[in-house]
Amino acid sequence: MQIALWLLLLSVACQQATDREVVAQVGEVQLTAAQVRQLVLALPPGLRSAAQGQEARRDYLQTLIDRELMLATARARGLDRDPELLAQFEARRRDRLVALYRKREVLSRAVVSDEEISRYFAEQGWTRERLVGTILVDSEQKATQLQAQIRGGARFEELARQHSLDPRSAQRGGELGFMPRPLAERIGVPGRVFDSLATGQISPPIAQGRNYHLVRFLADRPAELQTYAGQIKQLLLKEKRRDLEAQQVELLAYQRHWQLAPAGVEALRRWSGPGRQFTPEEKQTPLFTYTGGQVGVGDYLEMVKINRIPPARALQDTAAMAAIGRRFLLPRVMLLEAAKQAGIPEEAEVGRWEETIMEELLLKQVRQKEVSGKVEVSEEEVQRYYREHADQFRLPEIICFDELVVADGEEARRFKEELGADANLLELARERGYPTRQLGPDSLACMSSLEKAVYPTLWEALKVAPLGELGGPVAVEGGYSLFKVVRREGPQAEPYEQAVARARAQLRERAVKQNFAQWTAGLRREYQAQIQIFEERLAEALPEALLVGSTHAEK
C-alpha cells in the first residue's frame, strides 16, 4: 500500500478511548477505531488500499502505526529538543496566538454599514465607468512612436494587437473593459488621466513599472452601486481593521511602557562592523523592553534581514531603531502579550493544535534526517536514468499554422471560397480586427499534442490537413477557424540539457521512496515487541460497507 509518505501530512486526532475502542497499542500509545476511520475517510482515492477485507484494514492501521514509530524515533533521537525545531514551533505558536486574538478582539469589532458604502461609492470616484484601452510597450520611445502613428491615422486596435506586451488585451485590440477610477488606478491609469482625458483621445506615454503604456477611453457610462458594493465593503473593512489594530497596539504599548533599551543600542553599534557575529548570549541583550518582557538584539537582527532593511541606519541610528521596532516588532509583540493575558494559550483547543504542530515538525525533521538527507544523486546516475527512461523525456508533436478566426460560420465558409492558397490569414485578421492566438516569433500560431485534449476538433483537423492548403472552417472558442498548416515537428527526444533537472528530480524522488520504505520496514522490526493489534476490534472499526465504499471511490 503506497500511502506511507502521505501520512506526514495527516493529523489524526487523539481521544480518550474505552478498551473496546482501542484497535492497536504502540508502546504507551493507543490507536482507536475513530482514528483509523478518520484516516480512511480522509484519504484521497489514489492513496486508498487496493487490498480487501482484513488485509485492507491492516494496511490502514499500519499507516497509523508507522506514524507512531516515526514519532517515537524522533523523540528517541532528541529531535523534540532540537533548537531549530523548537524555534520553528515557537514561531508557529506565536503566529497562531496572535491570529486568534486578532480575530476575536480586532476583526470582529470592524463593522461597515450600507450608508458608509454608499458614501464611499459617491465620494471616491466609483460612480463613473470608462471603457479602457491600452497599448503596453517596453520603452517611452516606442510608446511615443506608436502615439505618432495613431495621430497619423493608424488604428489603435491594430497597433495593440501587434505591439502590446499584454497578450490578453492585445487579442482584444487593447481593450480591458469598463472600470471606475479606483480600479483604473490599480492598472496604472492616473486619476487625473481618468478624469480629464476625452473619450477617443490618446494619452501621452504613461509609466507603468518598467514599461510604458498609451491609454484611450472608448466609452463612458454611469456605474451601479450594487456592482461594486462588495468590493467597497471589503476595502472599508480592511481600513477599519487596520485602524482598530493600530489603536489597540498603541494602547498596549503605552500601558506596558514599550521603550528602547540602551544596552541593546550600544551592542548594535559596537558589533555592526563587517564580518561581526553575535554570540547566542549577546543576541539575548534587550533592545526593547516592556512590562513583563523584552525583545532581544537577535530578534531585531532577524527582522532586519527578513525585511531587507539597509543595515547602516538600522544598526547605528537610534531614531531608526525605534521606528523600525515600532513598525515591524511592536504589533506582533503587543498582540501576543494581549493573547496571553486573555488566557488563549491555556485553551484546550490551542493545546491540541500545539500537539499537532509539534508532531508535524517532528515527522518532517526525522524524515529529513533519516531519509531525504541521506539521498545523493550523482551526475552519472542522472545520465543513466535519462538514457534508460528515454520515453519519459520526449518533446511533443507541434503543428504551426496561419489562422483566421471568424465569428460566423457562414462568413467563414464564404471566406474560404474567396481566398486563395497564398492568402496571409494573419494579415487579414489584423486588417479586419479579428482576434488572434498568441503568436511565435515567426507570426504563426503553434499547438502541441499536449493541447489536443483542450482543442480536440481543431487538433485532428490540423493533423490531416495538407501543408500549405486552406483548411476549415472548424468550430473553436470565439468562432470558426480557417487555417493553413505551415510546418509540423514530430515527437523527438528532449535534449539532456533541457531534461536534466526533471530527470534528477525523478531519480531523487524514487530514491527517497526506496529509502523511506526500507527505513519504515526497519522501524517495524525494531519496535515489533511493542506493537499489539486487536484484529476483532479492527474489523468492527472498519465495517465492510466502509471498505467497499472506499474501493468504489478508488475505481
Protein backbone atom coordinates (compact mmCIF):
# COMPACT_ATOMS: atom_id res chain seq x y z
CA MET A 1 0.00 0.00 0.00
CA GLN A 2 1.71 3.20 -1.19
CA ILE A 3 0.39 5.69 1.33
CA ALA A 4 3.13 5.87 3.93
CA LEU A 5 4.65 9.12 2.61
CA TRP A 6 1.28 10.85 2.72
CA LEU A 7 0.84 10.21 6.42
CA LEU A 8 3.32 13.01 7.14
CA LEU A 9 0.63 15.44 6.09
CA LEU A 10 -2.16 13.80 8.04
CA SER A 11 -3.23 14.85 11.50
CA VAL A 12 -5.15 12.16 13.37
CA ALA A 13 -6.91 13.36 16.50
CA CYS A 14 -6.10 11.56 19.72
CA GLN A 15 -9.03 10.82 22.01
CA GLN A 16 -9.77 9.10 25.30
CA ALA A 17 -11.00 5.61 24.47
CA THR A 18 -12.54 2.59 26.14
CA ASP A 19 -10.79 -0.76 25.80
CA ARG A 20 -13.21 -1.84 23.08
CA GLU A 21 -12.39 1.24 21.01
CA VAL A 22 -8.63 0.55 21.08
CA VAL A 23 -7.61 -1.31 17.90
CA ALA A 24 -3.84 -1.29 18.48
CA GLN A 25 -1.23 -0.43 21.09
CA VAL A 26 2.20 1.02 20.15
CA GLY A 27 4.23 1.28 23.33
CA GLU A 28 2.18 3.55 25.59
CA VAL A 29 0.14 4.97 22.69
CA GLN A 30 -3.35 3.65 21.99
CA LEU A 31 -4.75 3.77 18.45
CA THR A 32 -8.54 3.92 18.33
CA ALA A 33 -11.32 2.91 15.98
CA ALA A 34 -12.16 6.58 15.48
CA GLN A 35 -8.61 7.33 14.33
CA VAL A 36 -8.49 4.56 11.76
CA ARG A 37 -11.93 5.55 10.43
CA GLN A 38 -10.78 9.16 10.23
CA LEU A 39 -7.77 8.05 8.19
CA VAL A 40 -9.85 6.04 5.71
CA LEU A 41 -12.35 8.86 5.20
CA ALA A 42 -9.59 11.46 4.77
CA LEU A 43 -7.50 9.56 2.22
CA PRO A 44 -7.97 10.66 -1.41
CA PRO A 45 -8.95 7.85 -3.80
CA GLY A 46 -5.47 7.43 -5.27
CA LEU A 47 -3.99 6.59 -1.87
CA ARG A 48 -6.55 4.03 -0.68
CA SER A 49 -5.59 0.40 -0.26
CA ALA A 50 -6.02 -1.93 -3.21
CA ALA A 51 -6.42 -4.86 -0.80
CA GLN A 52 -9.73 -6.18 0.52
CA GLY A 53 -11.17 -7.29 3.83
CA GLN A 54 -8.89 -7.63 6.84
CA GLU A 55 -5.79 -7.08 4.70
CA ALA A 56 -7.06 -3.62 3.74
CA ARG A 57 -7.84 -2.89 7.39
CA ARG A 58 -4.28 -3.81 8.36
CA ASP A 59 -2.94 -1.56 5.61
CA TYR A 60 -4.76 1.43 7.03
CA LEU A 61 -3.83 0.60 10.60
CA GLN A 62 -0.18 0.11 9.60
CA THR A 63 -0.10 3.69 8.39
CA LEU A 64 -1.06 4.91 11.87
CA ILE A 65 1.41 2.52 13.48
CA ASP A 66 4.23 3.74 11.23
CA ARG A 67 3.38 7.30 12.17
CA GLU A 68 3.75 6.50 15.87
CA LEU A 69 7.01 4.63 15.22
CA MET A 70 8.41 7.66 13.41
CA LEU A 71 7.38 9.95 16.26
CA ALA A 72 8.94 7.59 18.80
CA THR A 73 12.15 7.55 16.79
CA ALA A 74 12.19 11.33 16.54
CA ARG A 75 11.84 11.69 20.30
CA ALA A 76 14.43 8.99 20.93
CA ARG A 77 16.85 10.95 18.73
CA GLY A 78 16.17 14.05 20.82
CA LEU A 79 14.60 15.98 17.96
CA ASP A 80 11.91 17.34 20.28
CA ARG A 81 14.75 19.23 21.99
CA ASP A 82 16.41 20.43 18.78
CA PRO A 83 16.86 24.24 19.00
CA GLU A 84 15.99 24.79 15.33
CA LEU A 85 12.81 22.72 15.58
CA LEU A 86 11.80 24.43 18.81
CA ALA A 87 12.34 27.82 17.18
CA GLN A 88 10.06 26.79 14.30
CA PHE A 89 7.46 25.55 16.76
CA GLU A 90 7.58 28.74 18.81
CA ALA A 91 7.22 30.89 15.68
CA ARG A 92 4.16 28.87 14.57
CA ARG A 93 2.71 29.04 18.08
CA ARG A 94 3.23 32.79 18.33
CA ASP A 95 1.60 33.40 14.96
CA ARG A 96 -1.36 31.21 15.96
CA LEU A 97 -1.95 33.03 19.24
CA VAL A 98 -1.72 36.44 17.56
CA ALA A 99 -4.12 35.33 14.80
CA LEU A 100 -6.67 34.07 17.33
CA TYR A 101 -6.51 37.27 19.37
CA ARG A 102 -6.72 39.43 16.27
CA LYS A 103 -9.76 37.51 15.02
CA ARG A 104 -11.62 37.73 18.33
CA GLU A 105 -10.69 41.19 19.59
CA VAL A 106 -9.93 43.22 16.46
CA LEU A 107 -11.53 41.80 13.31
CA SER A 108 -14.85 41.09 14.99
CA ARG A 109 -15.21 44.75 16.02
CA ALA A 110 -14.98 46.12 12.47
CA VAL A 111 -18.46 46.75 11.03
CA VAL A 112 -19.37 48.57 7.80
CA SER A 113 -22.86 50.00 7.25
CA ASP A 114 -24.74 50.40 3.97
CA GLU A 115 -24.58 54.17 4.45
CA GLU A 116 -20.79 54.06 4.62
CA ILE A 117 -20.65 52.01 1.43
CA SER A 118 -22.92 54.47 -0.41
CA ARG A 119 -20.92 57.47 0.79
CA TYR A 120 -17.61 55.89 -0.22
CA PHE A 121 -19.04 55.00 -3.64
CA ALA A 122 -20.10 58.61 -4.22
CA GLU A 123 -17.01 60.33 -2.83
CA GLN A 124 -14.15 58.13 -4.07
CA GLY A 125 -14.73 58.06 -7.82
CA TRP A 126 -16.76 54.88 -8.25
CA THR A 127 -19.82 56.48 -9.89
CA ARG A 128 -18.39 56.66 -13.42
CA GLU A 129 -17.14 53.77 -15.55
CA ARG A 130 -14.97 54.15 -18.64
CA LEU A 131 -14.14 51.54 -21.26
CA VAL A 132 -10.35 51.38 -21.06
CA GLY A 133 -7.97 50.50 -23.89
CA THR A 134 -4.19 50.35 -23.53
CA ILE A 135 -1.06 49.50 -25.51
CA LEU A 136 1.75 48.32 -23.21
CA VAL A 137 5.34 48.58 -24.52
CA ASP A 138 8.81 48.35 -23.01
CA SER A 139 10.07 51.92 -23.54
CA GLU A 140 8.87 55.51 -23.59
CA GLN A 141 10.43 55.94 -27.04
CA LYS A 142 8.35 53.11 -28.51
CA ALA A 143 5.19 54.48 -26.86
CA THR A 144 5.90 57.90 -28.40
CA GLN A 145 6.39 56.32 -31.83
CA LEU A 146 3.07 54.46 -31.59
CA GLN A 147 1.34 57.65 -30.42
CA ALA A 148 2.62 59.42 -33.55
CA GLN A 149 1.40 56.57 -35.77
CA ILE A 150 -2.09 56.77 -34.25
CA ARG A 151 -2.21 60.51 -34.78
CA GLY A 152 -1.14 59.85 -38.37
CA GLY A 153 -4.13 57.58 -38.96
CA ALA A 154 -3.03 54.14 -37.74
CA ARG A 155 -5.68 52.13 -35.89
CA PHE A 156 -5.23 51.83 -32.13
CA GLU A 157 -6.64 48.27 -32.14
CA GLU A 158 -4.21 47.10 -34.83
CA LEU A 159 -1.17 48.55 -33.07
CA ALA A 160 -2.32 46.97 -29.79
CA ARG A 161 -2.51 43.53 -31.43
CA GLN A 162 0.92 43.94 -32.99
CA HIS A 163 2.88 45.59 -30.17
CA SER A 164 1.20 45.29 -26.76
CA LEU A 165 3.11 43.24 -24.18
CA ASP A 166 -0.18 42.18 -22.53
CA PRO A 167 -1.33 39.16 -24.59
CA ARG A 168 -4.90 39.13 -23.22
CA SER A 169 -5.74 42.74 -24.03
CA ALA A 170 -3.72 42.58 -27.26
CA GLN A 171 -6.08 39.92 -28.60
CA ARG A 172 -8.97 42.34 -27.97
CA GLY A 173 -7.29 45.30 -29.63
CA GLY A 174 -6.04 46.63 -26.28
CA GLU A 175 -9.47 46.64 -24.63
CA LEU A 176 -9.54 45.99 -20.87
CA GLY A 177 -13.23 46.55 -20.19
CA PHE A 178 -15.31 49.06 -18.24
CA MET A 179 -13.96 50.14 -14.86
CA PRO A 180 -14.28 53.02 -12.36
CA ARG A 181 -11.39 55.30 -11.45
CA PRO A 182 -10.11 53.32 -8.40
CA LEU A 183 -9.78 50.13 -10.46
CA ALA A 184 -8.21 52.01 -13.37
CA GLU A 185 -5.63 53.45 -10.99
CA ARG A 186 -4.66 49.91 -9.97
CA ILE A 187 -3.64 49.10 -13.55
CA GLY A 188 -1.56 52.24 -13.92
CA VAL A 189 -4.07 54.82 -15.20
CA PRO A 190 -3.56 58.01 -13.12
CA GLY A 191 -6.71 59.54 -11.65
CA ARG A 192 -6.10 62.84 -13.46
CA VAL A 193 -5.98 60.98 -16.80
CA PHE A 194 -9.15 59.04 -15.97
CA ASP A 195 -10.95 62.29 -15.06
CA SER A 196 -9.72 64.55 -17.88
CA LEU A 197 -8.83 62.53 -21.00
CA ALA A 198 -11.63 62.88 -23.55
CA THR A 199 -13.27 59.77 -24.97
CA GLY A 200 -11.45 58.66 -28.13
CA GLN A 201 -8.30 60.68 -27.39
CA ILE A 202 -4.86 59.12 -26.86
CA SER A 203 -2.90 59.81 -23.69
CA PRO A 204 0.81 60.65 -23.70
CA PRO A 205 3.11 57.77 -22.69
CA ILE A 206 2.44 56.84 -19.04
CA ALA A 207 5.00 54.98 -16.92
CA GLN A 208 3.83 51.62 -15.57
CA GLY A 209 6.62 50.00 -13.59
CA ARG A 210 9.48 49.47 -16.02
CA ASN A 211 7.15 49.73 -19.01
CA TYR A 212 5.01 52.44 -20.59
CA HIS A 213 1.50 52.42 -21.96
CA LEU A 214 -0.81 54.53 -24.07
CA VAL A 215 -4.38 54.87 -22.79
CA ARG A 216 -7.60 55.50 -24.67
CA PHE A 217 -11.17 55.59 -23.36
CA LEU A 218 -13.73 54.17 -25.77
CA ALA A 219 -16.99 54.88 -23.92
CA ASP A 220 -18.45 56.21 -20.66
CA ARG A 221 -21.40 55.10 -18.56
CA PRO A 222 -22.72 55.58 -15.01
CA ALA A 223 -21.74 52.84 -12.55
CA GLU A 224 -24.22 50.90 -10.42
CA LEU A 225 -23.62 50.79 -6.67
CA GLN A 226 -24.58 47.12 -6.44
CA THR A 227 -21.78 46.24 -8.89
CA TYR A 228 -19.06 47.42 -6.52
CA ALA A 229 -20.73 47.27 -3.09
CA GLY A 230 -18.94 44.04 -2.19
CA GLN A 231 -15.51 45.37 -3.16
CA ILE A 232 -16.09 48.64 -1.33
CA LYS A 233 -17.22 46.81 1.80
CA GLN A 234 -14.02 44.77 1.84
CA LEU A 235 -11.91 47.92 1.36
CA LEU A 236 -13.66 49.66 4.24
CA LEU A 237 -13.40 46.59 6.45
CA LYS A 238 -9.68 46.39 5.75
CA GLU A 239 -9.20 50.06 6.64
CA LYS A 240 -11.23 49.74 9.85
CA ARG A 241 -9.44 46.59 10.94
CA ARG A 242 -6.08 48.21 10.30
CA ASP A 243 -7.07 51.29 12.30
CA LEU A 244 -8.53 49.24 15.16
CA GLU A 245 -5.39 47.12 15.38
CA ALA A 246 -3.14 50.19 15.33
CA GLN A 247 -5.16 51.76 18.15
CA GLN A 248 -5.06 48.54 20.17
CA VAL A 249 -1.30 48.17 19.70
CA GLU A 250 -0.60 51.79 20.68
CA LEU A 251 -2.74 51.44 23.80
CA LEU A 252 -0.96 48.23 24.81
CA ALA A 253 2.45 49.81 24.15
CA TYR A 254 1.53 52.75 26.38
CA GLN A 255 0.19 50.53 29.14
CA ARG A 256 3.26 48.28 29.08
CA HIS A 257 5.84 51.10 28.71
CA TRP A 258 7.45 49.93 25.45
CA GLN A 259 10.87 51.59 25.10
CA LEU A 260 14.31 51.32 23.55
CA ALA A 261 16.96 49.76 25.81
CA PRO A 262 20.39 51.47 25.92
CA ALA A 263 22.22 48.14 26.34
CA GLY A 264 20.91 46.81 23.04
CA VAL A 265 21.60 50.08 21.21
CA GLU A 266 25.20 50.01 22.41
CA ALA A 267 25.57 46.34 21.45
CA LEU A 268 24.37 47.02 17.89
CA ARG A 269 26.69 49.98 17.46
CA ARG A 270 29.66 48.09 18.85
CA TRP A 271 29.15 44.98 16.74
CA SER A 272 27.95 46.45 13.42
CA GLY A 273 31.31 46.22 11.66
CA PRO A 274 31.81 43.94 8.62
CA GLY A 275 32.05 40.25 9.42
CA ARG A 276 30.96 40.66 13.03
CA GLN A 277 28.85 37.90 14.56
CA PHE A 278 26.83 37.95 17.77
CA THR A 279 27.20 35.10 20.22
CA PRO A 280 23.97 33.41 21.42
CA GLU A 281 24.33 35.26 24.72
CA GLU A 282 24.76 38.64 23.01
CA LYS A 283 21.64 38.04 20.92
CA GLN A 284 19.66 37.98 24.16
CA THR A 285 20.73 41.55 25.01
CA PRO A 286 17.47 43.54 25.30
CA LEU A 287 16.92 46.15 22.58
CA PHE A 288 13.30 46.88 23.53
CA THR A 289 11.77 46.41 26.95
CA TYR A 290 8.19 46.48 28.22
CA THR A 291 6.38 45.46 31.37
CA GLY A 292 6.65 41.71 31.53
CA GLY A 293 9.16 41.11 28.74
CA GLN A 294 11.78 42.22 26.24
CA VAL A 295 12.86 41.89 22.59
CA GLY A 296 16.47 40.86 22.13
CA VAL A 297 19.06 42.06 19.65
CA GLY A 298 18.86 38.70 17.84
CA ASP A 299 15.14 39.05 17.08
CA TYR A 300 15.73 42.59 15.82
CA LEU A 301 18.57 41.49 13.51
CA GLU A 302 16.45 38.64 12.12
CA MET A 303 13.61 41.07 11.40
CA VAL A 304 16.02 43.50 9.68
CA LYS A 305 17.27 40.63 7.50
CA ILE A 306 13.80 39.35 6.60
CA ASN A 307 12.57 42.82 5.60
CA ARG A 308 15.82 43.69 3.76
CA ILE A 309 16.32 46.89 5.71
CA PRO A 310 19.67 48.63 4.94
CA PRO A 311 21.91 47.88 7.94
CA ALA A 312 23.68 51.26 8.02
CA ARG A 313 20.79 53.08 9.71
CA ALA A 314 19.23 50.01 11.31
CA LEU A 315 22.40 49.33 13.34
CA GLN A 316 23.66 52.86 14.01
CA ASP A 317 20.79 55.37 14.10
CA THR A 318 18.84 55.31 17.38
CA ALA A 319 15.79 57.00 15.86
CA ALA A 320 15.79 54.46 13.03
CA MET A 321 15.98 51.58 15.52
CA ALA A 322 12.99 52.94 17.41
CA ALA A 323 10.95 53.47 14.23
CA ILE A 324 11.83 50.07 12.76
CA GLY A 325 10.99 48.31 16.01
CA ARG A 326 7.69 50.15 16.29
CA ARG A 327 6.68 49.23 12.76
CA PHE A 328 7.84 45.62 12.49
CA LEU A 329 8.10 44.27 16.06
CA LEU A 330 5.67 46.17 18.26
CA PRO A 331 2.36 44.89 16.75
CA ARG A 332 3.34 41.23 16.98
CA VAL A 333 4.79 41.54 20.49
CA MET A 334 1.88 43.51 21.95
CA LEU A 335 -0.83 41.31 20.41
CA LEU A 336 0.98 38.21 21.66
CA GLU A 337 1.10 39.63 25.18
CA ALA A 338 -2.60 40.51 24.94
CA ALA A 339 -3.36 36.94 23.81
CA LYS A 340 -1.51 35.57 26.83
CA GLN A 341 -3.34 37.95 29.15
CA ALA A 342 -6.65 36.78 27.65
CA GLY A 343 -5.76 33.18 28.52
CA ILE A 344 -5.72 31.92 24.93
CA PRO A 345 -2.60 29.72 25.40
CA GLU A 346 -4.41 27.76 28.15
CA GLU A 347 -7.40 26.84 25.98
CA ALA A 348 -7.85 23.13 25.28
CA GLU A 349 -8.21 23.67 21.54
CA VAL A 350 -4.91 25.56 21.44
CA GLY A 351 -3.24 22.74 23.35
CA ARG A 352 -4.45 20.18 20.80
CA TRP A 353 -3.26 22.42 17.97
CA GLU A 354 0.19 22.71 19.57
CA GLU A 355 0.45 18.93 19.90
CA THR A 356 -0.48 18.51 16.23
CA ILE A 357 2.06 21.09 15.07
CA MET A 358 4.85 19.60 17.18
CA GLU A 359 4.16 16.15 15.72
CA GLU A 360 4.11 17.58 12.20
CA LEU A 361 7.51 19.22 12.74
CA LEU A 362 8.95 16.06 14.30
CA LEU A 363 7.79 13.91 11.39
CA LYS A 364 9.29 16.25 8.82
CA GLN A 365 12.54 16.56 10.74
CA VAL A 366 13.04 12.84 11.31
CA ARG A 367 12.19 12.05 7.70
CA GLN A 368 14.70 14.66 6.54
CA LYS A 369 17.46 13.25 8.74
CA GLU A 370 16.76 9.55 8.22
CA VAL A 371 15.54 9.52 4.61
CA SER A 372 15.77 12.63 2.39
CA GLY A 373 19.04 13.88 3.85
CA LYS A 374 20.77 10.59 3.05
CA VAL A 375 19.87 10.61 -0.65
CA GLU A 376 22.66 11.64 -3.02
CA VAL A 377 22.27 11.53 -6.79
CA SER A 378 25.40 11.70 -8.95
CA GLU A 379 25.63 13.15 -12.44
CA GLU A 380 26.45 9.70 -13.78
CA GLU A 381 23.26 8.27 -12.25
CA VAL A 382 21.18 11.07 -13.76
CA GLN A 383 22.64 10.46 -17.21
CA ARG A 384 21.97 6.72 -16.94
CA TYR A 385 18.41 7.36 -15.77
CA TYR A 386 17.87 9.71 -18.73
CA ARG A 387 19.09 7.04 -21.17
CA GLU A 388 17.14 4.18 -19.60
CA HIS A 389 13.89 6.18 -19.44
CA ALA A 390 14.09 7.91 -22.79
CA ASP A 391 10.34 7.51 -23.31
CA GLN A 392 9.73 9.91 -20.39
CA PHE A 393 11.84 12.65 -21.96
CA ARG A 394 10.15 13.35 -25.27
CA LEU A 395 9.16 16.68 -26.78
CA PRO A 396 5.54 16.71 -28.01
CA GLU A 397 4.43 16.91 -31.61
CA ILE A 398 3.96 20.54 -32.72
CA ILE A 399 1.91 21.97 -35.60
CA CYS A 400 2.37 25.63 -36.60
CA PHE A 401 -0.22 27.35 -38.75
CA ASP A 402 -1.55 30.62 -40.11
CA GLU A 403 -5.12 31.27 -38.93
CA LEU A 404 -8.19 33.43 -39.36
CA VAL A 405 -10.97 33.14 -36.74
CA VAL A 406 -14.35 34.40 -37.95
CA ALA A 407 -17.32 34.80 -35.64
CA ASP A 408 -19.95 33.43 -38.07
CA GLY A 409 -19.77 30.01 -39.71
CA GLU A 410 -21.40 31.17 -42.95
CA GLU A 411 -18.96 34.05 -43.24
CA ALA A 412 -16.06 31.64 -42.64
CA ARG A 413 -17.25 29.39 -45.49
CA ARG A 414 -17.56 32.42 -47.76
CA PHE A 415 -14.02 33.49 -46.91
CA LYS A 416 -12.72 30.03 -47.75
CA GLU A 417 -14.31 30.17 -51.20
CA GLU A 418 -12.87 33.62 -51.90
CA LEU A 419 -9.35 33.22 -50.52
CA GLY A 420 -6.50 31.62 -52.41
CA ALA A 421 -3.82 29.31 -51.06
CA ASP A 422 -1.34 32.20 -50.92
CA ALA A 423 -3.58 34.39 -48.69
CA ASN A 424 -1.98 35.75 -45.50
CA LEU A 425 -4.60 34.89 -42.88
CA LEU A 426 -2.90 36.75 -40.03
CA GLU A 427 -2.67 39.92 -42.06
CA LEU A 428 -6.34 39.61 -42.99
CA ALA A 429 -7.30 39.05 -39.33
CA ARG A 430 -5.45 42.19 -38.29
CA GLU A 431 -6.96 44.26 -41.08
CA ARG A 432 -10.47 43.30 -40.02
CA GLY A 433 -9.86 43.44 -36.27
CA TYR A 434 -10.46 39.72 -35.73
CA PRO A 435 -8.98 38.00 -32.64
CA THR A 436 -5.70 36.10 -32.97
CA ARG A 437 -3.95 33.49 -30.85
CA GLN A 438 -0.67 34.13 -29.10
CA LEU A 439 1.89 34.00 -31.88
CA GLY A 440 5.50 32.88 -32.06
CA PRO A 441 8.45 34.92 -33.40
CA ASP A 442 7.53 33.86 -36.95
CA SER A 443 3.95 35.19 -36.50
CA LEU A 444 2.50 31.67 -36.57
CA ALA A 445 0.18 30.04 -34.06
CA CYS A 446 1.61 26.75 -32.77
CA MET A 447 -0.21 23.92 -31.00
CA SER A 448 1.35 20.89 -29.33
CA SER A 449 -0.09 17.42 -28.87
CA LEU A 450 -0.40 18.25 -25.16
CA GLU A 451 -3.23 20.63 -26.10
CA LYS A 452 -5.30 18.18 -28.10
CA ALA A 453 -7.48 17.41 -25.08
CA VAL A 454 -8.43 21.09 -24.96
CA TYR A 455 -8.89 21.57 -28.72
CA PRO A 456 -9.66 18.04 -29.99
CA THR A 457 -11.53 19.01 -33.16
CA LEU A 458 -9.02 21.62 -34.28
CA TRP A 459 -6.07 19.34 -33.48
CA GLU A 460 -7.45 16.48 -35.58
CA ALA A 461 -8.14 18.88 -38.46
CA LEU A 462 -4.58 20.24 -38.27
CA LYS A 463 -3.18 16.70 -38.19
CA VAL A 464 -4.73 15.67 -41.51
CA ALA A 465 -4.58 18.99 -43.38
CA PRO A 466 -2.07 19.09 -46.29
CA LEU A 467 0.76 21.60 -45.86
CA GLY A 468 0.04 25.00 -47.37
CA GLU A 469 -3.63 24.34 -48.16
CA LEU A 470 -6.51 26.32 -46.71
CA GLY A 471 -8.42 24.20 -44.18
CA GLY A 472 -11.55 24.59 -42.07
CA PRO A 473 -13.79 26.06 -41.02
CA VAL A 474 -13.58 24.33 -37.62
CA ALA A 475 -15.64 25.48 -34.65
CA VAL A 476 -13.38 26.94 -31.94
CA GLU A 477 -13.84 29.20 -28.95
CA GLY A 478 -14.87 32.60 -30.29
CA GLY A 479 -15.93 31.49 -33.77
CA TYR A 480 -14.76 29.37 -36.70
CA SER A 481 -11.14 28.75 -37.65
CA LEU A 482 -9.74 28.87 -41.17
CA PHE A 483 -6.14 27.69 -41.12
CA LYS A 484 -3.15 26.86 -43.26
CA VAL A 485 -0.59 24.42 -41.81
CA VAL A 486 2.93 25.75 -42.41
CA ARG A 487 5.05 23.12 -40.66
CA ARG A 488 4.91 20.05 -38.45
CA GLU A 489 7.51 18.90 -35.95
CA GLY A 490 7.15 15.26 -34.90
CA PRO A 491 7.81 13.96 -31.40
CA GLN A 492 11.52 13.89 -30.64
CA ALA A 493 13.92 13.23 -27.81
CA GLU A 494 14.23 16.06 -25.32
CA PRO A 495 17.87 17.25 -25.14
CA TYR A 496 19.65 16.19 -21.96
CA GLU A 497 20.47 19.78 -21.04
CA GLN A 498 16.76 20.57 -21.13
CA ALA A 499 15.66 17.42 -19.29
CA VAL A 500 18.41 17.12 -16.67
CA ALA A 501 16.60 18.97 -13.87
CA ARG A 502 13.46 16.86 -14.26
CA ALA A 503 15.48 13.64 -14.56
CA ARG A 504 17.38 14.44 -11.37
CA ALA A 505 14.14 15.24 -9.53
CA GLN A 506 12.51 11.97 -10.65
CA LEU A 507 15.56 9.93 -9.72
CA ARG A 508 15.80 11.60 -6.33
CA GLU A 509 12.08 11.06 -5.67
CA ARG A 510 12.45 7.37 -6.48
CA ALA A 511 15.45 7.07 -4.17
CA VAL A 512 13.60 8.85 -1.36
CA LYS A 513 10.67 6.44 -1.68
CA GLN A 514 13.01 3.44 -1.59
CA ASN A 515 14.85 4.78 1.45
CA PHE A 516 11.57 5.53 3.18
CA ALA A 517 10.24 2.02 2.59
CA GLN A 518 13.47 0.48 3.90
CA TRP A 519 13.54 2.76 6.92
CA THR A 520 9.93 2.09 7.96
CA ALA A 521 10.48 -1.65 7.48
CA GLY A 522 13.42 -1.39 9.87
CA LEU A 523 11.32 0.52 12.40
CA ARG A 524 8.67 -2.20 12.34
CA ARG A 525 11.31 -4.83 13.14
CA GLU A 526 12.89 -2.68 15.85
CA TYR A 527 9.61 -1.96 17.64
CA GLN A 528 7.88 -5.27 16.90
CA ALA A 529 7.70 -6.28 20.56
CA GLN A 530 5.91 -3.03 21.44
CA ILE A 531 3.14 -3.37 18.84
CA GLN A 532 -0.11 -5.16 19.64
CA ILE A 533 -3.04 -5.34 17.18
CA PHE A 534 -6.59 -6.32 18.17
CA GLU A 535 -7.91 -7.94 15.00
CA GLU A 536 -11.53 -8.33 16.09
CA ARG A 537 -11.82 -4.70 17.18
CA LEU A 538 -10.17 -3.59 13.94
CA ALA A 539 -12.81 -5.46 11.92
CA GLU A 540 -15.53 -3.74 13.93
CA ALA A 541 -13.89 -0.34 13.44
CA LEU A 542 -13.90 -0.65 9.65
CA PRO A 543 -17.05 -2.50 8.58
CA GLU A 544 -17.19 -3.99 5.12
CA ALA A 545 -19.54 -1.22 3.93
CA LEU A 546 -16.87 1.39 4.62
CA LEU A 547 -14.17 -0.63 2.86
CA VAL A 548 -16.42 -1.26 -0.15
CA GLY A 549 -17.22 2.45 -0.30
CA SER A 550 -13.55 3.35 -0.40
CA THR A 551 -12.89 0.70 -3.05
CA HIS A 552 -15.70 2.05 -5.24
CA ALA A 553 -14.29 5.54 -4.88
CA GLU A 554 -10.91 4.20 -5.94
CA LYS A 555 -12.40 2.64 -9.05
